[in-house]
Protein backbone atom coordinates (compact mmCIF):
# COMPACT_ATOMS: atom_id res chain seq x y z
CA MET A 1 27.14 -27.85 15.11
CA GLY A 2 27.54 -24.17 15.98
CA ILE A 3 27.38 -22.88 12.38
CA HIS A 4 25.45 -19.63 11.97
CA SER A 5 24.93 -16.70 9.61
CA GLY A 6 23.65 -13.15 9.89
CA HIS A 7 24.41 -9.45 9.48
CA SER A 8 26.70 -9.26 12.51
CA LEU A 9 28.12 -11.57 15.14
CA LYS A 10 26.44 -9.63 17.92
CA GLU A 11 23.03 -9.98 16.27
CA VAL A 12 23.45 -13.73 15.79
CA ILE A 13 24.85 -14.58 19.22
CA GLU A 14 22.48 -12.37 21.24
CA ALA A 15 19.56 -14.22 19.63
CA LYS A 16 20.82 -17.51 21.11
CA PRO A 17 19.74 -18.55 24.62
CA ARG A 18 22.54 -19.25 27.09
CA THR A 19 22.91 -22.98 27.76
CA GLU A 20 23.71 -24.73 31.03
CA GLY A 21 26.29 -27.46 31.50
CA SER A 22 29.49 -28.14 29.61
CA ARG A 23 29.72 -27.85 25.85
CA ARG A 24 29.43 -31.26 24.18
CA PHE A 25 31.48 -32.37 21.22
CA PRO A 26 29.31 -32.77 18.05
CA LEU A 27 28.03 -36.34 17.50
CA SER A 28 29.53 -37.37 20.86
CA GLY A 29 26.59 -39.66 21.61
CA LEU A 30 26.90 -41.49 18.29
CA LEU A 31 30.70 -41.78 18.46
CA ALA A 32 30.74 -43.01 22.06
CA SER A 33 29.76 -46.51 20.98
CA ILE A 34 32.50 -46.85 18.36
CA SER A 35 35.49 -44.99 19.84
CA PRO A 36 37.53 -45.68 23.00
CA VAL A 37 38.06 -41.94 23.49
CA SER A 38 35.83 -38.88 23.37
CA GLY A 39 36.36 -35.85 21.15
CA THR A 40 37.41 -32.47 22.43
CA PHE A 41 37.58 -28.90 21.16
CA VAL A 42 41.18 -27.99 20.35
CA THR A 43 42.76 -25.75 17.74
CA GLN A 44 45.75 -26.44 15.52
CA ASP A 45 47.97 -23.90 17.26
CA MET A 46 47.28 -25.68 20.57
CA ILE A 47 47.77 -29.27 19.42
CA GLU A 48 50.90 -28.78 17.29
CA PRO A 49 53.25 -27.94 20.23
CA VAL A 50 52.03 -31.11 21.96
CA LEU A 51 52.79 -33.20 18.87
CA VAL A 52 56.23 -31.57 18.50
CA ASP A 53 57.10 -32.42 22.12
CA ILE A 54 56.03 -36.05 21.64
CA ALA A 55 58.02 -36.32 18.38
CA ARG A 56 61.15 -35.04 20.12
CA GLU A 57 60.63 -37.34 23.10
CA ARG A 58 60.61 -40.25 20.65
CA GLY A 59 63.84 -39.21 18.96
CA GLY A 60 62.57 -36.91 16.24
CA ASP A 61 64.87 -34.11 15.00
CA VAL A 62 62.33 -31.29 14.54
CA ARG A 63 63.70 -28.04 13.09
CA PHE A 64 61.90 -24.76 12.46
CA HIS A 65 62.96 -21.84 10.22
CA THR A 66 64.48 -24.39 7.84
CA GLU A 67 64.18 -24.16 4.05
CA CYS A 68 64.79 -26.92 1.52
CA LEU A 69 66.89 -25.33 -1.24
CA ALA A 70 67.41 -28.35 -3.49
CA ILE A 71 66.90 -32.09 -3.77
CA GLU A 72 68.75 -34.73 -5.73
CA GLN A 73 68.00 -38.44 -5.92
CA ASP A 74 69.72 -41.51 -7.30
CA GLY A 75 69.10 -45.23 -7.12
CA ASP A 76 70.18 -45.44 -3.48
CA GLY A 77 68.67 -42.39 -1.82
CA VAL A 78 67.83 -38.68 -1.73
CA MET A 79 70.03 -35.73 -0.76
CA ALA A 80 68.44 -32.46 0.40
CA THR A 81 70.23 -29.13 0.73
CA LEU A 82 68.80 -27.23 3.69
CA LYS A 83 69.19 -23.68 4.99
CA ASP A 84 68.66 -22.23 8.45
CA ARG A 85 66.72 -19.05 7.62
CA GLU A 86 67.84 -17.33 10.83
CA SER A 87 71.60 -17.97 10.61
CA GLY A 88 71.92 -18.48 6.85
CA ILE A 89 73.89 -21.71 7.40
CA THR A 90 73.35 -24.44 4.78
CA TRP A 91 73.98 -28.17 5.03
CA THR A 92 72.99 -31.42 3.35
CA VAL A 93 71.06 -34.42 4.60
CA ARG A 94 70.99 -37.80 2.85
CA ALA A 95 68.27 -40.40 3.43
CA ASP A 96 66.88 -43.52 1.81
CA TYR A 97 63.56 -41.78 1.08
CA LEU A 98 62.05 -38.29 1.29
CA ILE A 99 58.44 -37.57 2.26
CA ALA A 100 57.48 -34.23 0.71
CA ALA A 101 54.85 -32.86 3.09
CA ASP A 102 55.74 -29.25 2.31
CA GLY A 103 52.27 -27.78 2.00
CA ALA A 104 49.79 -26.69 -0.62
CA GLY A 105 52.35 -24.67 -2.60
CA SER A 106 54.85 -27.59 -2.35
CA PRO A 107 58.13 -26.36 -3.86
CA ILE A 108 59.25 -30.00 -4.12
CA ARG A 109 56.13 -30.97 -6.11
CA ASN A 110 56.69 -27.99 -8.37
CA ARG A 111 60.35 -28.89 -8.94
CA LEU A 112 59.26 -32.38 -9.95
CA ASN A 113 56.71 -30.89 -12.41
CA VAL A 114 53.97 -33.13 -11.06
CA PRO A 115 50.70 -32.81 -13.04
CA ILE A 116 47.68 -31.80 -10.95
CA THR A 117 43.92 -32.02 -11.45
CA GLY A 118 40.92 -30.49 -9.68
CA ARG A 119 38.78 -27.35 -9.58
CA GLY A 120 41.72 -25.07 -8.80
CA THR A 121 41.18 -21.81 -6.93
CA MET A 122 37.62 -21.33 -5.69
CA GLY A 123 37.93 -17.95 -4.00
CA HIS A 124 40.19 -15.39 -2.33
CA LEU A 125 40.21 -14.85 1.44
CA LEU A 126 42.26 -13.10 4.09
CA ASN A 127 42.87 -15.04 7.29
CA ILE A 128 42.78 -12.35 10.01
CA LEU A 129 43.89 -13.67 13.40
CA PHE A 130 42.93 -11.23 16.15
CA HIS A 131 42.38 -10.80 19.87
CA ALA A 132 39.16 -9.23 21.12
CA ASP A 133 37.44 -9.87 24.45
CA LEU A 134 34.04 -11.32 23.51
CA LYS A 135 33.66 -13.48 26.59
CA SER A 136 30.60 -11.69 27.91
CA LEU A 137 28.87 -12.05 24.54
CA VAL A 138 29.56 -15.74 23.85
CA HIS A 139 29.65 -17.24 27.36
CA LYS A 140 27.25 -20.21 27.39
CA ARG A 141 26.51 -19.36 23.75
CA GLU A 142 29.70 -20.73 22.20
CA PHE A 143 29.85 -21.35 18.46
CA SER A 144 32.19 -22.71 15.80
CA LEU A 145 31.53 -20.64 12.66
CA CYS A 146 29.45 -17.59 11.82
CA MET A 147 29.03 -16.22 8.29
CA ILE A 148 28.60 -12.45 8.00
CA GLU A 149 26.94 -11.04 4.88
CA ARG A 150 26.52 -7.30 4.47
CA PRO A 151 27.39 -4.71 1.79
CA GLU A 152 30.47 -3.40 3.64
CA VAL A 153 32.00 -6.76 4.57
CA CYS A 154 31.58 -10.45 3.83
CA GLY A 155 33.41 -13.18 5.69
CA LEU A 156 33.42 -15.97 8.23
CA PHE A 157 34.18 -15.82 11.96
CA THR A 158 35.93 -18.89 13.33
CA ALA A 159 36.10 -19.39 17.09
CA ILE A 160 39.57 -20.27 18.39
CA ASN A 161 38.97 -20.28 22.16
CA ASN A 162 35.46 -18.76 22.33
CA SER A 163 36.83 -16.04 24.58
CA ASP A 164 39.37 -13.59 23.17
CA ARG A 165 41.09 -15.34 20.25
CA TRP A 166 39.36 -15.41 16.84
CA VAL A 167 39.87 -15.69 13.10
CA PHE A 168 37.90 -13.82 10.46
CA HIS A 169 38.11 -15.10 6.88
CA LEU A 170 37.51 -11.92 4.88
CA PHE A 171 36.34 -12.39 1.30
CA TYR A 172 37.77 -10.10 -1.38
CA ASP A 173 37.20 -10.07 -5.13
CA PRO A 174 40.13 -9.62 -7.54
CA SER A 175 37.65 -9.30 -10.44
CA LYS A 176 36.60 -5.97 -8.86
CA GLY A 177 40.20 -4.82 -8.59
CA GLU A 178 40.58 -5.79 -4.94
CA LYS A 179 43.97 -7.05 -3.71
CA ALA A 180 45.15 -8.56 -0.45
CA SER A 181 47.52 -5.61 -0.02
CA ASP A 182 44.52 -3.23 0.06
CA PHE A 183 43.63 -4.46 3.54
CA SER A 184 45.89 -2.78 6.07
CA PRO A 185 45.62 -3.63 9.78
CA GLU A 186 43.64 -0.43 10.38
CA LYS A 187 41.21 -1.21 7.57
CA CYS A 188 40.80 -4.75 8.87
CA LYS A 189 40.03 -3.43 12.35
CA GLU A 190 37.35 -1.19 10.86
CA LEU A 191 35.78 -4.08 8.95
CA LEU A 192 35.94 -6.36 11.99
CA ARG A 193 34.09 -3.82 14.14
CA ILE A 194 31.38 -3.64 11.46
CA ALA A 195 31.15 -7.44 11.23
CA LEU A 196 31.00 -7.70 15.02
CA ASP A 197 28.62 -4.69 15.32
CA MET A 198 30.78 -3.54 18.23
CA PRO A 199 32.22 -0.16 17.15
CA GLU A 200 34.08 0.55 20.41
CA ILE A 201 35.70 -2.84 21.02
CA GLU A 202 39.49 -3.08 21.33
CA ILE A 203 41.00 -5.29 18.60
CA ASP A 204 44.59 -6.51 18.45
CA ILE A 205 45.40 -8.00 15.03
CA LYS A 206 48.08 -10.70 15.19
CA SER A 207 48.38 -11.60 11.50
CA ILE A 208 46.78 -11.05 8.09
CA LEU A 209 47.47 -13.85 5.64
CA PRO A 210 45.91 -14.30 2.18
CA TRP A 211 44.80 -17.81 1.23
CA GLU A 212 42.80 -19.49 -1.50
CA PRO A 213 40.29 -22.31 -0.90
CA SER A 214 41.32 -24.67 -3.69
CA VAL A 215 41.17 -28.22 -4.99
CA ARG A 216 44.39 -29.58 -6.48
CA ILE A 217 45.20 -33.29 -6.63
CA ALA A 218 48.61 -34.63 -7.65
CA GLU A 219 48.25 -37.26 -10.39
CA ARG A 220 51.18 -39.27 -9.00
CA LEU A 221 52.41 -39.46 -5.41
CA GLN A 222 55.59 -41.48 -5.90
CA HIS A 223 58.50 -40.05 -7.86
CA GLY A 224 61.39 -42.43 -7.43
CA ARG A 225 62.36 -42.17 -3.76
CA ILE A 226 60.33 -38.98 -3.20
CA LEU A 227 56.74 -39.36 -1.97
CA LEU A 228 54.16 -36.59 -1.72
CA ALA A 229 51.87 -36.40 1.30
CA GLY A 230 49.34 -34.04 2.89
CA ASP A 231 48.50 -30.76 1.15
CA ALA A 232 51.36 -31.35 -1.29
CA ALA A 233 49.42 -34.40 -2.52
CA HIS A 234 45.85 -33.12 -2.22
CA GLN A 235 44.89 -29.53 -1.46
CA MET A 236 41.32 -28.93 -0.34
CA PRO A 237 39.16 -26.31 1.43
CA PRO A 238 38.92 -26.86 5.21
CA TRP A 239 35.13 -27.06 5.39
CA ALA A 240 34.80 -30.84 5.83
CA GLY A 241 37.66 -31.14 8.30
CA GLN A 242 39.66 -33.45 6.03
CA GLY A 243 42.96 -31.60 5.50
CA ALA A 244 44.94 -32.81 8.52
CA ASN A 245 42.98 -36.06 8.71
CA SER A 246 43.85 -37.08 5.16
CA GLY A 247 47.48 -35.95 5.56
CA ILE A 248 47.94 -37.97 8.76
CA ALA A 249 46.44 -41.00 7.01
CA ASP A 250 48.89 -40.53 4.10
CA VAL A 251 51.90 -40.65 6.38
CA TYR A 252 50.51 -43.55 8.40
CA ASN A 253 50.15 -45.46 5.12
CA LEU A 254 53.76 -44.60 4.24
CA ALA A 255 55.30 -45.16 7.68
CA TRP A 256 54.64 -48.87 8.01
CA LYS A 257 55.51 -49.52 4.37
CA LEU A 258 58.82 -47.69 4.61
CA ALA A 259 59.58 -49.46 7.89
CA ALA A 260 58.90 -52.85 6.27
CA ILE A 261 61.17 -52.01 3.32
CA LEU A 262 64.02 -50.58 5.40
CA LYS A 263 63.94 -53.58 7.76
CA GLY A 264 64.07 -55.99 4.83
CA HIS A 265 60.57 -57.40 5.36
CA ALA A 266 59.26 -56.19 1.98
CA SER A 267 60.61 -55.07 -1.38
CA LYS A 268 60.41 -51.45 -2.50
CA ALA A 269 57.61 -52.52 -4.86
CA LEU A 270 55.33 -52.21 -1.81
CA LEU A 271 55.47 -48.43 -2.23
CA GLU A 272 53.64 -48.75 -5.56
CA THR A 273 50.46 -49.35 -3.54
CA TYR A 274 50.73 -45.91 -1.88
CA GLY A 275 49.33 -43.89 -4.77
CA VAL A 276 46.77 -46.55 -5.65
CA GLU A 277 45.38 -46.41 -2.12
CA ARG A 278 45.73 -42.72 -1.29
CA ILE A 279 44.93 -40.78 -4.49
CA PRO A 280 41.24 -41.78 -4.58
CA VAL A 281 40.92 -41.02 -0.87
CA GLY A 282 42.46 -37.58 -1.28
CA GLN A 283 40.27 -36.89 -4.28
CA ALA A 284 37.09 -37.92 -2.44
CA ALA A 285 38.02 -35.79 0.58
CA ALA A 286 38.85 -32.79 -1.61
CA GLU A 287 35.61 -33.01 -3.58
CA ALA A 288 33.54 -33.42 -0.40
CA SER A 289 35.27 -30.36 1.04
CA ALA A 290 34.67 -28.34 -2.14
CA ASP A 291 31.01 -29.35 -2.20
CA ALA A 292 30.68 -27.77 1.25
CA ALA A 293 31.62 -24.35 -0.18
CA ASP A 294 29.68 -21.71 -2.07
CA GLU A 295 30.77 -19.92 -5.26
CA ARG A 296 33.23 -17.80 -3.22
CA GLY A 297 34.92 -20.79 -1.65
CA ILE A 298 33.37 -20.08 1.80
CA ILE A 299 31.47 -22.76 3.72
CA LEU A 300 27.75 -23.07 3.01
CA THR A 301 25.78 -21.90 6.04
CA LYS A 302 22.23 -21.63 4.72
CA LYS A 303 20.40 -24.61 6.17
CA ASN A 304 18.27 -25.75 3.24
CA VAL A 305 17.76 -28.99 1.31
CA THR A 306 21.04 -28.56 -0.60
CA PHE A 307 22.90 -28.06 2.69
CA ALA A 308 21.29 -31.15 4.23
CA ILE A 309 22.04 -33.40 1.24
CA GLY A 310 25.66 -32.23 1.13
CA LEU A 311 26.07 -32.79 4.87
CA LEU A 312 24.77 -36.35 4.59
CA LYS A 313 27.26 -37.07 1.79
CA ARG A 314 30.12 -35.73 3.92
CA MET A 315 29.06 -37.44 7.12
CA ARG A 316 31.01 -40.66 6.45
CA LEU A 317 34.27 -38.74 6.06
CA MET A 318 33.54 -36.27 8.85
CA SER A 319 32.67 -39.04 11.32
CA GLY A 320 35.99 -40.77 10.69
CA HIS A 321 34.64 -43.79 8.81
CA GLY A 322 36.73 -42.91 5.78
CA TYR A 323 36.71 -43.92 2.15
CA CYS A 324 35.13 -47.15 0.87
CA TYR A 325 37.13 -48.97 -1.81
CA THR A 326 35.15 -50.69 -4.55
């Protein structure tokens, strides 16, 4: 699965033999018999522009740099006050329903004072997106994740294109007085060179963003005509690959139900099934994702009995077979 650990990326990758042939998607042989399509390696920043283009082709009004300032609802619909963050212009939009898919911090969920459950924050990481030409090192030795553990730096390399675009999730510890603001671009470059064990390599840092692997589950997803979905409904660490998958499934569940209601084929009571069906799924996905992490909130990489048992438990979700209702 391309998950490794060691004292430096160079040490780990140079120990791997170069392979011949194209890189195969994990479990491709098993999935071939149950799926009409094959998997491929693609990152979120590559797939999202494709999805935006398709949404617009199908009539979607997709707007960036737009902030929701306020929401009001009554018995007939929801009104949102929006602001263009570039021009400062504000306007209102009224709709029959509002799907609040506004992320893990969800301002809309917070305004509604929705109770949440779960483990909460599991750790503190910096997402460092950077460019560095590692093609000669990783060619024919591509990987997905590599955990680096050493006194000077602890974190996780994530391959974006297995060439020159990478992410390093740098662990820091607030209990030791460390803050995200302590890590300037120059300090991050220094730590990256140590983690890579490539002191002379050119590094171009694109962004440094703090994030917290967390588990937070909304106790209710429907609030009148406002419905929570995605990370706003169930925040989880990314280590079981369930964040986008569970969010897409939320909105699929909502889309056909809203369509049936708006076309007069069903009563609005149909929406009461949304939370009943999706809360246990989100909770199961979040717990499976959390179980894949260590005490710092970083993915487990030590391949021992605990790792194997946890992987088997997650395999149903990770293979796309989903949640089993009882």
